[in-house]
Amino acid sequence: MIDIVSIYWVKILATLLIFLALIILFVRSANDKSNIPGVELVQRELDKLNGNYAVFCNVVIHLERGVSQIPYVVVSPYGVFVVACCYHFGKISGQKNDREWRVKAIGVDERILNPLWENRKYVNALEKKLNLSLPFIPLVVFTHAKLIDDFGLVAINVSRLQKFFSSHTNVLIGQADQKSVIAILKE
């Protein structure tokens, strides 16, 4: 009789543990943004910006050696934000002045060109195209990767995107200049 009772309680305990494990997995997967495409994560955050911001996607720009596409340009009274996106998975390490950064994920160890440098090319080309003296604010957004090293204030995780924009509160561009930039970017 004691063996039957102890087997019964072992089965109950095992069932409860499995049930608890499933609940934990379900909660984690609900909070896990890794199954959402990076483009969508960034777009969702940019869609939350108020009417002070004009968001342009995939702005085609001529560089010294060809044509490139800036993922996002955000025009506001607080500056012209030039947003590059990195959709890598894993851990990003390196120094902000290094030519390449390291991406380490499960089974993957690769190098990428420094996205801060790439973004600087975008800013330079946009300055040339707009031909206006404006405050350009570079920003590199990582959607799925974890930043291991300090890359400065302009390399952030997508979860910090709203905070980044809200930290810029000084009006630096008048309405006339904003309208000029918007008109040029709409071309």
C-alpha atoms as a PDB file:
ATOM      1  CA  MET A   1       0.000   0.000   0.000  1.00  0.00           C
ATOM      2  CA  ILE A   2       2.846   2.447   0.830  1.00  0.00           C
ATOM      3  CA  ASP A   3       4.491   1.725  -2.535  1.00  0.00           C
ATOM      4  CA  ILE A   4       1.271   2.570  -4.387  1.00  0.00           C
ATOM      5  CA  VAL A   5       0.854   5.854  -2.487  1.00  0.00           C
ATOM      6  CA  SER A   6       4.485   6.918  -3.049  1.00  0.00           C
ATOM      7  CA  ILE A   7       4.292   6.055  -6.773  1.00  0.00           C
ATOM      8  CA  TYR A   8       1.079   8.085  -6.981  1.00  0.00           C
ATOM      9  CA  TRP A   9       2.737  11.140  -5.394  1.00  0.00           C
ATOM     10  CA  VAL A  10       5.816  10.794  -7.598  1.00  0.00           C
ATOM     11  CA  LYS A  11       3.558  10.840 -10.657  1.00  0.00           C
ATOM     12  CA  ILE A  12       1.709  13.912  -9.336  1.00  0.00           C
ATOM     13  CA  LEU A  13       4.988  15.686  -8.612  1.00  0.00           C
ATOM     14  CA  ALA A  14       6.389  14.813 -12.057  1.00  0.00           C
ATOM     15  CA  THR A  15       3.199  16.079 -13.734  1.00  0.00           C
ATOM     16  CA  LEU A  16       3.367  19.342 -11.787  1.00  0.00           C
ATOM     17  CA  LEU A  17       7.037  19.850 -12.707  1.00  0.00           C
ATOM     18  CA  ILE A  18       6.324  19.265 -16.390  1.00  0.00           C
ATOM     19  CA  PHE A  19       3.369  21.653 -16.214  1.00  0.00           C
ATOM     20  CA  LEU A  20       5.526  24.286 -14.498  1.00  0.00           C
ATOM     21  CA  ALA A  21       8.275  23.873 -17.114  1.00  0.00           C
ATOM     22  CA  LEU A  22       5.739  24.348 -19.920  1.00  0.00           C
ATOM     23  CA  ILE A  23       4.417  27.520 -18.298  1.00  0.00           C
ATOM     24  CA  ILE A  24       7.961  28.907 -17.998  1.00  0.00           C
ATOM     25  CA  LEU A  25       8.692  28.100 -21.656  1.00  0.00           C
ATOM     26  CA  PHE A  26       5.443  29.707 -22.751  1.00  0.00           C
ATOM     27  CA  VAL A  27       6.136  32.912 -20.799  1.00  0.00           C
ATOM     28  CA  ARG A  28       9.687  33.107 -22.152  1.00  0.00           C
ATOM     29  CA  SER A  29       8.579  32.610 -25.738  1.00  0.00           C
ATOM     30  CA  ALA A  30       5.897  35.273 -25.331  1.00  0.00           C
ATOM     31  CA  ASN A  31       8.579  37.743 -24.233  1.00  0.00           C
ATOM     32  CA  ASP A  32      11.128  36.555 -26.787  1.00  0.00           C
ATOM     33  CA  LYS A  33      11.398  38.972 -29.706  1.00  0.00           C
ATOM     34  CA  SER A  34      13.842  36.782 -31.598  1.00  0.00           C
ATOM     35  CA  ASN A  35      11.070  35.398 -33.796  1.00  0.00           C
ATOM     36  CA  ILE A  36      10.025  38.898 -34.918  1.00  0.00           C
ATOM     37  CA  PRO A  37      12.028  40.253 -37.875  1.00  0.00           C
ATOM     38  CA  GLY A  38      14.393  43.069 -36.914  1.00  0.00           C
ATOM     39  CA  VAL A  39      12.918  45.431 -39.484  1.00  0.00           C
ATOM     40  CA  GLU A  40       9.530  45.020 -37.864  1.00  0.00           C
ATOM     41  CA  LEU A  41      10.909  45.617 -34.355  1.00  0.00           C
ATOM     42  CA  VAL A  42      12.507  48.901 -35.414  1.00  0.00           C
ATOM     43  CA  GLN A  43       9.445  49.986 -37.387  1.00  0.00           C
ATOM     44  CA  ARG A  44       7.178  49.321 -34.399  1.00  0.00           C
ATOM     45  CA  GLU A  45       9.318  51.560 -32.213  1.00  0.00           C
ATOM     46  CA  LEU A  46       9.507  54.324 -34.825  1.00  0.00           C
ATOM     47  CA  ASP A  47       5.730  54.172 -35.291  1.00  0.00           C
ATOM     48  CA  LYS A  48       5.394  55.187 -31.629  1.00  0.00           C
ATOM     49  CA  LEU A  49       7.048  58.566 -32.280  1.00  0.00           C
ATOM     50  CA  ASN A  50       4.713  61.550 -32.146  1.00  0.00           C
ATOM     51  CA  GLY A  51       3.916  64.123 -34.839  1.00  0.00           C
ATOM     52  CA  ASN A  52       7.183  65.993 -34.280  1.00  0.00           C
ATOM     53  CA  TYR A  53       8.977  63.247 -36.197  1.00  0.00           C
ATOM     54  CA  ALA A  54       8.883  62.457 -39.917  1.00  0.00           C
ATOM     55  CA  VAL A  55      10.199  58.937 -40.556  1.00  0.00           C
ATOM     56  CA  PHE A  56      11.625  57.933 -43.931  1.00  0.00           C
ATOM     57  CA  CYS A  57      12.438  54.311 -44.722  1.00  0.00           C
ATOM     58  CA  ASN A  58      15.060  53.012 -47.140  1.00  0.00           C
ATOM     59  CA  VAL A  59      16.387  56.366 -48.284  1.00  0.00           C
ATOM     60  CA  VAL A  60      18.520  55.860 -51.390  1.00  0.00           C
ATOM     61  CA  ILE A  61      21.637  57.984 -51.316  1.00  0.00           C
ATOM     62  CA  HIS A  62      24.598  58.393 -53.649  1.00  0.00           C
ATOM     63  CA  LEU A  63      27.969  57.703 -52.071  1.00  0.00           C
ATOM     64  CA  GLU A  64      31.386  58.427 -53.518  1.00  0.00           C
ATOM     65  CA  ARG A  65      31.497  54.880 -54.867  1.00  0.00           C
ATOM     66  CA  GLY A  66      27.993  53.984 -55.852  1.00  0.00           C
ATOM     67  CA  VAL A  67      24.594  54.042 -54.251  1.00  0.00           C
ATOM     68  CA  SER A  68      23.526  52.987 -50.793  1.00  0.00           C
ATOM     69  CA  GLN A  69      20.342  52.741 -48.827  1.00  0.00           C
ATOM     70  CA  ILE A  70      19.889  54.284 -45.384  1.00  0.00           C
ATOM     71  CA  PRO A  71      17.428  52.162 -43.406  1.00  0.00           C
ATOM     72  CA  TYR A  72      15.797  55.154 -41.661  1.00  0.00           C
ATOM     73  CA  VAL A  73      16.095  58.927 -41.605  1.00  0.00           C
ATOM     74  CA  VAL A  74      14.036  60.662 -38.943  1.00  0.00           C
ATOM     75  CA  VAL A  75      13.537  64.411 -39.288  1.00  0.00           C
ATOM     76  CA  SER A  76      12.540  66.345 -36.195  1.00  0.00           C
ATOM     77  CA  PRO A  77      13.009  69.701 -34.479  1.00  0.00           C
ATOM     78  CA  TYR A  78      15.692  67.947 -32.402  1.00  0.00           C
ATOM     79  CA  GLY A  79      17.892  66.934 -35.315  1.00  0.00           C
ATOM     80  CA  VAL A  80      18.094  64.687 -38.345  1.00  0.00           C
ATOM     81  CA  PHE A  81      18.548  61.153 -37.050  1.00  0.00           C
ATOM     82  CA  VAL A  82      20.385  58.808 -39.399  1.00  0.00           C
ATOM     83  CA  VAL A  83      19.482  55.285 -38.305  1.00  0.00           C
ATOM     84  CA  ALA A  84      21.388  52.181 -39.369  1.00  0.00           C
ATOM     85  CA  CYS A  85      20.146  48.766 -38.266  1.00  0.00           C
ATOM     86  CA  CYS A  86      22.023  45.593 -37.422  1.00  0.00           C
ATOM     87  CA  TYR A  87      19.979  42.411 -37.468  1.00  0.00           C
ATOM     88  CA  HIS A  88      22.645  40.015 -36.171  1.00  0.00           C
ATOM     89  CA  PHE A  89      21.987  37.432 -33.454  1.00  0.00           C
ATOM     90  CA  GLY A  90      24.473  36.745 -30.684  1.00  0.00           C
ATOM     91  CA  LYS A  91      26.918  38.859 -28.726  1.00  0.00           C
ATOM     92  CA  ILE A  92      28.662  41.848 -30.306  1.00  0.00           C
ATOM     93  CA  SER A  93      32.108  42.824 -29.084  1.00  0.00           C
ATOM     94  CA  GLY A  94      34.826  45.187 -30.189  1.00  0.00           C
ATOM     95  CA  GLN A  95      35.863  48.787 -29.790  1.00  0.00           C
ATOM     96  CA  LYS A  96      34.037  51.731 -31.299  1.00  0.00           C
ATOM     97  CA  ASN A  97      37.111  52.661 -33.357  1.00  0.00           C
ATOM     98  CA  ASP A  98      37.888  49.116 -34.564  1.00  0.00           C
ATOM     99  CA  ARG A  99      37.474  48.420 -38.274  1.00  0.00           C
ATOM    100  CA  GLU A 100      35.592  45.196 -37.509  1.00  0.00           C
ATOM    101  CA  TRP A 101      33.480  43.920 -34.653  1.00  0.00           C
ATOM    102  CA  ARG A 102      32.999  40.337 -33.558  1.00  0.00           C
ATOM    103  CA  VAL A 103      29.647  38.552 -33.561  1.00  0.00           C
ATOM    104  CA  LYS A 104      29.550  35.412 -31.503  1.00  0.00           C
ATOM    105  CA  ALA A 105      26.492  33.175 -31.423  1.00  0.00           C
ATOM    106  CA  ILE A 106      25.872  29.474 -30.991  1.00  0.00           C
ATOM    107  CA  GLY A 107      28.059  27.812 -33.610  1.00  0.00           C
ATOM    108  CA  VAL A 108      28.914  31.139 -35.252  1.00  0.00           C
ATOM    109  CA  ASP A 109      31.936  33.358 -34.780  1.00  0.00           C
ATOM    110  CA  GLU A 110      32.150  36.028 -37.465  1.00  0.00           C
ATOM    111  CA  ARG A 111      33.366  39.549 -38.064  1.00  0.00           C
ATOM    112  CA  ILE A 112      31.314  42.458 -39.346  1.00  0.00           C
ATOM    113  CA  LEU A 113      32.383  45.881 -40.544  1.00  0.00           C
ATOM    114  CA  ASN A 114      32.045  48.494 -37.834  1.00  0.00           C
ATOM    115  CA  PRO A 115      28.428  49.714 -38.183  1.00  0.00           C
ATOM    116  CA  LEU A 116      29.353  53.078 -36.657  1.00  0.00           C
ATOM    117  CA  TRP A 117      31.693  53.668 -39.589  1.00  0.00           C
ATOM    118  CA  GLU A 118      29.038  52.558 -42.061  1.00  0.00           C
ATOM    119  CA  ASN A 119      26.574  54.953 -40.444  1.00  0.00           C
ATOM    120  CA  ARG A 120      29.125  57.757 -40.679  1.00  0.00           C
ATOM    121  CA  LYS A 121      29.205  57.207 -44.463  1.00  0.00           C
ATOM    122  CA  TYR A 122      25.428  57.608 -44.509  1.00  0.00           C
ATOM    123  CA  VAL A 123      25.620  60.839 -42.503  1.00  0.00           C
ATOM    124  CA  ASN A 124      28.323  62.272 -44.777  1.00  0.00           C
ATOM    125  CA  ALA A 125      26.354  61.426 -47.913  1.00  0.00           C
ATOM    126  CA  LEU A 126      23.134  62.841 -46.462  1.00  0.00           C
ATOM    127  CA  GLU A 127      24.893  66.065 -45.449  1.00  0.00           C
ATOM    128  CA  LYS A 128      26.150  66.383 -49.010  1.00  0.00           C
ATOM    129  CA  LYS A 129      22.736  65.662 -50.521  1.00  0.00           C
ATOM    130  CA  LEU A 130      20.818  68.059 -48.283  1.00  0.00           C
ATOM    131  CA  ASN A 131      23.477  70.791 -48.512  1.00  0.00           C
ATOM    132  CA  LEU A 132      22.192  72.373 -45.306  1.00  0.00           C
ATOM    133  CA  SER A 133      23.989  73.021 -42.048  1.00  0.00           C
ATOM    134  CA  LEU A 134      21.937  70.813 -39.744  1.00  0.00           C
ATOM    135  CA  PRO A 135      22.600  68.709 -36.663  1.00  0.00           C
ATOM    136  CA  PHE A 136      22.853  65.117 -37.896  1.00  0.00           C
ATOM    137  CA  ILE A 137      22.568  62.501 -35.168  1.00  0.00           C
ATOM    138  CA  PRO A 138      23.929  59.046 -36.035  1.00  0.00           C
ATOM    139  CA  LEU A 139      22.297  55.991 -34.489  1.00  0.00           C
ATOM    140  CA  VAL A 140      22.965  52.263 -34.880  1.00  0.00           C
ATOM    141  CA  VAL A 141      20.172  50.003 -33.635  1.00  0.00           C
ATOM    142  CA  PHE A 142      20.769  46.346 -32.812  1.00  0.00           C
ATOM    143  CA  THR A 143      17.586  44.320 -32.949  1.00  0.00           C
ATOM    144  CA  HIS A 144      18.543  40.874 -31.688  1.00  0.00           C
ATOM    145  CA  ALA A 145      22.166  41.045 -30.547  1.00  0.00           C
ATOM    146  CA  LYS A 146      23.513  41.804 -27.109  1.00  0.00           C
ATOM    147  CA  LEU A 147      26.169  44.504 -26.969  1.00  0.00           C
ATOM    148  CA  ILE A 148      29.029  43.243 -24.817  1.00  0.00           C
ATOM    149  CA  ASP A 149      31.316  46.267 -25.034  1.00  0.00           C
ATOM    150  CA  ASP A 150      30.563  49.969 -24.726  1.00  0.00           C
ATOM    151  CA  PHE A 151      30.103  51.421 -28.195  1.00  0.00           C
ATOM    152  CA  GLY A 152      29.016  54.849 -27.035  1.00  0.00           C
ATOM    153  CA  LEU A 153      25.611  56.475 -26.869  1.00  0.00           C
ATOM    154  CA  VAL A 154      24.825  55.953 -30.550  1.00  0.00           C
ATOM    155  CA  ALA A 155      24.887  52.141 -30.565  1.00  0.00           C
ATOM    156  CA  ILE A 156      21.819  50.835 -28.770  1.00  0.00           C
ATOM    157  CA  ASN A 157      19.470  47.907 -28.506  1.00  0.00           C
ATOM    158  CA  VAL A 158      16.034  48.351 -30.090  1.00  0.00           C
ATOM    159  CA  SER A 159      14.446  48.308 -26.633  1.00  0.00           C
ATOM    160  CA  ARG A 160      16.179  51.636 -25.890  1.00  0.00           C
ATOM    161  CA  LEU A 161      15.042  53.380 -29.073  1.00  0.00           C
ATOM    162  CA  GLN A 162      12.216  55.404 -27.488  1.00  0.00           C
ATOM    163  CA  LYS A 163      14.486  56.514 -24.651  1.00  0.00           C
ATOM    164  CA  PHE A 164      17.121  57.605 -27.174  1.00  0.00           C
ATOM    165  CA  PHE A 165      14.678  59.855 -29.032  1.00  0.00           C
ATOM    166  CA  SER A 166      13.141  61.238 -25.850  1.00  0.00           C
ATOM    167  CA  SER A 167      16.608  62.192 -24.576  1.00  0.00           C
ATOM    168  CA  HIS A 168      16.926  64.716 -27.412  1.00  0.00           C
ATOM    169  CA  THR A 169      14.766  67.635 -26.308  1.00  0.00           C
ATOM    170  CA  ASN A 170      16.594  70.758 -27.494  1.00  0.00           C
ATOM    171  CA  VAL A 171      15.026  72.314 -30.561  1.00  0.00           C
ATOM    172  CA  LEU A 172      17.846  72.552 -33.105  1.00  0.00           C
ATOM    173  CA  ILE A 173      16.015  72.813 -36.439  1.00  0.00           C
ATOM    174  CA  GLY A 174      13.383  75.351 -37.422  1.00  0.00           C
ATOM    175  CA  GLN A 175      10.192  74.418 -39.240  1.00  0.00           C
ATOM    176  CA  ALA A 176      11.398  75.864 -42.544  1.00  0.00           C
ATOM    177  CA  ASP A 177      14.520  73.695 -42.527  1.00  0.00           C
ATOM    178  CA  GLN A 178      12.488  70.656 -41.502  1.00  0.00           C
ATOM    179  CA  LYS A 179      10.145  71.220 -44.435  1.00  0.00           C
ATOM    180  CA  SER A 180      13.121  71.609 -46.794  1.00  0.00           C
ATOM    181  CA  VAL A 181      14.665  68.340 -45.618  1.00  0.00           C
ATOM    182  CA  ILE A 182      11.341  66.516 -45.865  1.00  0.00           C
ATOM    183  CA  ALA A 183      10.774  67.822 -49.396  1.00  0.00           C
ATOM    184  CA  ILE A 184      14.241  66.687 -50.503  1.00  0.00           C
ATOM    185  CA  LEU A 185      13.802  63.238 -48.938  1.00  0.00           C
ATOM    186  CA  LYS A 186      10.412  62.802 -50.611  1.00  0.00           C
ATOM    187  CA  GLU A 187      11.983  63.308 -54.054  1.00  0.00           C
END
